[in-house]
Amino acid sequence: MRELLVFLMIIAGATGCLGQSGKAVKTSLTGCVDEHDGEYVLTSDKDLQPAARLRPAAGSAEDNFARHLGEKVTVQGRMADGQPLPILTVDSLKTVSHTCAPASEAEPR
């Protein structure tokens, strides 16, 4: 859990994804699409821990994210405060890789 908090703080600091007023701010993130507790989430590609809940800007979540489950993607959208995870409203999604594994497993030995 501590690693997730550090990851989110790095994202927030590096991209300015959450404004001081808590309003959504445009950002771009790379991670893996997964499903947790019936919601689509973007996980860290380092340790596969959930980093943000995904919401489509248009259409249904099923139409937008189901076909990308298990893929490494780069998403662009607006990040807003949320509990237990921030909410990322996705404007665009680009597949980086059709598979996703923690960085330690993806590195050659």
Protein backbone atom coordinates (compact mmCIF):
# COMPACT_ATOMS: atom_id res chain seq x y z
CA MET A 1 0.00 0.00 0.00
CA ARG A 2 2.87 2.36 0.82
CA GLU A 3 4.34 1.81 -2.66
CA LEU A 4 0.98 2.74 -4.22
CA LEU A 5 0.85 5.98 -2.25
CA VAL A 6 4.39 6.85 -3.32
CA PHE A 7 3.47 6.03 -6.94
CA LEU A 8 0.41 8.31 -6.79
CA MET A 9 2.39 11.12 -5.16
CA ILE A 10 5.01 10.89 -7.92
CA ILE A 11 2.29 11.00 -10.58
CA ALA A 12 0.57 13.96 -8.92
CA GLY A 13 3.84 15.85 -8.52
CA ALA A 14 5.19 15.10 -11.96
CA THR A 15 2.05 15.81 -13.95
CA GLY A 16 0.14 18.15 -11.71
CA CYS A 17 -2.82 15.84 -12.15
CA LEU A 18 -4.81 17.12 -9.19
CA GLY A 19 -5.30 20.87 -8.93
CA GLN A 20 -5.20 22.65 -5.60
CA SER A 21 -8.98 23.00 -5.66
CA GLY A 22 -9.43 19.25 -6.27
CA LYS A 23 -10.82 19.86 -9.76
CA ALA A 24 -9.94 17.49 -12.58
CA VAL A 25 -6.77 18.36 -14.48
CA LYS A 26 -5.59 16.88 -17.79
CA THR A 27 -2.96 14.16 -17.50
CA SER A 28 -1.41 11.21 -19.30
CA LEU A 29 -0.56 7.92 -17.57
CA THR A 30 0.83 4.55 -18.64
CA GLY A 31 -0.19 1.38 -16.84
CA CYS A 32 -2.21 -1.79 -17.15
CA VAL A 33 -5.97 -2.16 -17.49
CA ASP A 34 -7.46 -4.47 -14.87
CA GLU A 35 -10.79 -5.06 -13.16
CA HIS A 36 -11.17 -4.82 -9.37
CA ASP A 37 -14.46 -5.12 -7.50
CA GLY A 38 -16.47 -4.70 -10.71
CA GLU A 39 -14.65 -1.52 -11.79
CA TYR A 40 -12.00 -0.98 -14.44
CA VAL A 41 -8.75 0.35 -13.01
CA LEU A 42 -5.35 1.41 -14.25
CA THR A 43 -2.62 -0.39 -12.35
CA SER A 44 1.03 0.53 -11.98
CA ASP A 45 3.11 -1.37 -14.52
CA LYS A 46 5.79 -1.70 -11.81
CA ASP A 47 3.84 -3.78 -9.27
CA LEU A 48 0.32 -4.07 -10.77
CA GLN A 49 -1.25 -2.24 -7.80
CA PRO A 50 -4.37 -0.17 -8.63
CA ALA A 51 -3.51 3.49 -9.26
CA ALA A 52 -6.79 4.99 -10.56
CA ARG A 53 -10.37 4.04 -11.35
CA LEU A 54 -11.16 4.40 -15.06
CA ARG A 55 -14.23 6.20 -16.36
CA PRO A 56 -14.95 6.73 -20.07
CA ALA A 57 -15.52 10.28 -21.31
CA ALA A 58 -18.18 8.81 -23.65
CA GLY A 59 -19.89 5.45 -23.97
CA SER A 60 -19.87 2.65 -21.44
CA ALA A 61 -16.92 1.39 -19.43
CA GLU A 62 -17.51 -2.09 -20.85
CA ASP A 63 -17.27 -0.78 -24.43
CA ASN A 64 -14.17 1.30 -23.69
CA PHE A 65 -12.05 -0.87 -21.40
CA ALA A 66 -13.09 -4.56 -21.57
CA ARG A 67 -11.14 -5.27 -24.76
CA HIS A 68 -7.98 -3.83 -23.13
CA LEU A 69 -7.99 -6.02 -20.00
CA GLY A 70 -4.45 -7.23 -19.33
CA GLU A 71 -2.89 -4.77 -21.77
CA LYS A 72 -0.35 -2.04 -21.05
CA VAL A 73 -1.85 1.25 -22.23
CA THR A 74 -1.28 4.99 -22.21
CA VAL A 75 -4.40 6.94 -21.31
CA GLN A 76 -5.06 10.64 -21.58
CA GLY A 77 -7.81 12.28 -19.62
CA ARG A 78 -8.74 14.18 -16.50
CA MET A 79 -7.79 13.02 -13.01
CA ALA A 80 -9.99 13.93 -10.04
CA ASP A 81 -9.96 13.10 -6.35
CA GLY A 82 -11.78 9.96 -5.37
CA GLN A 83 -11.87 7.37 -2.62
CA PRO A 84 -10.34 4.87 -2.34
CA LEU A 85 -8.57 5.75 -5.63
CA PRO A 86 -8.50 8.84 -7.85
CA ILE A 87 -10.87 8.80 -10.82
CA LEU A 88 -9.41 9.10 -14.32
CA THR A 89 -11.95 10.12 -16.96
CA VAL A 90 -10.37 8.76 -20.14
CA ASP A 91 -10.51 10.81 -23.34
CA SER A 92 -8.14 8.55 -25.30
CA LEU A 93 -6.43 5.20 -24.86
CA LYS A 94 -3.49 3.78 -26.82
CA THR A 95 -2.23 0.20 -26.48
CA VAL A 96 1.49 0.02 -25.65
CA SER A 97 1.67 -3.77 -25.29
CA HIS A 98 -0.89 -6.58 -25.48
CA THR A 99 0.52 -8.06 -22.27
CA CYS A 100 1.33 -6.59 -18.89
CA ALA A 101 3.59 -7.94 -16.17
CA PRO A 102 5.34 -6.39 -13.19
CA ALA A 103 8.60 -4.69 -14.20
CA SER A 104 10.68 -7.33 -12.38
CA GLU A 105 9.09 -10.10 -14.52
CA ALA A 106 9.28 -8.14 -17.77
CA GLU A 107 13.04 -7.46 -17.54
CA PRO A 108 15.34 -9.92 -19.30
CA ARG A 109 17.39 -12.18 -17.04
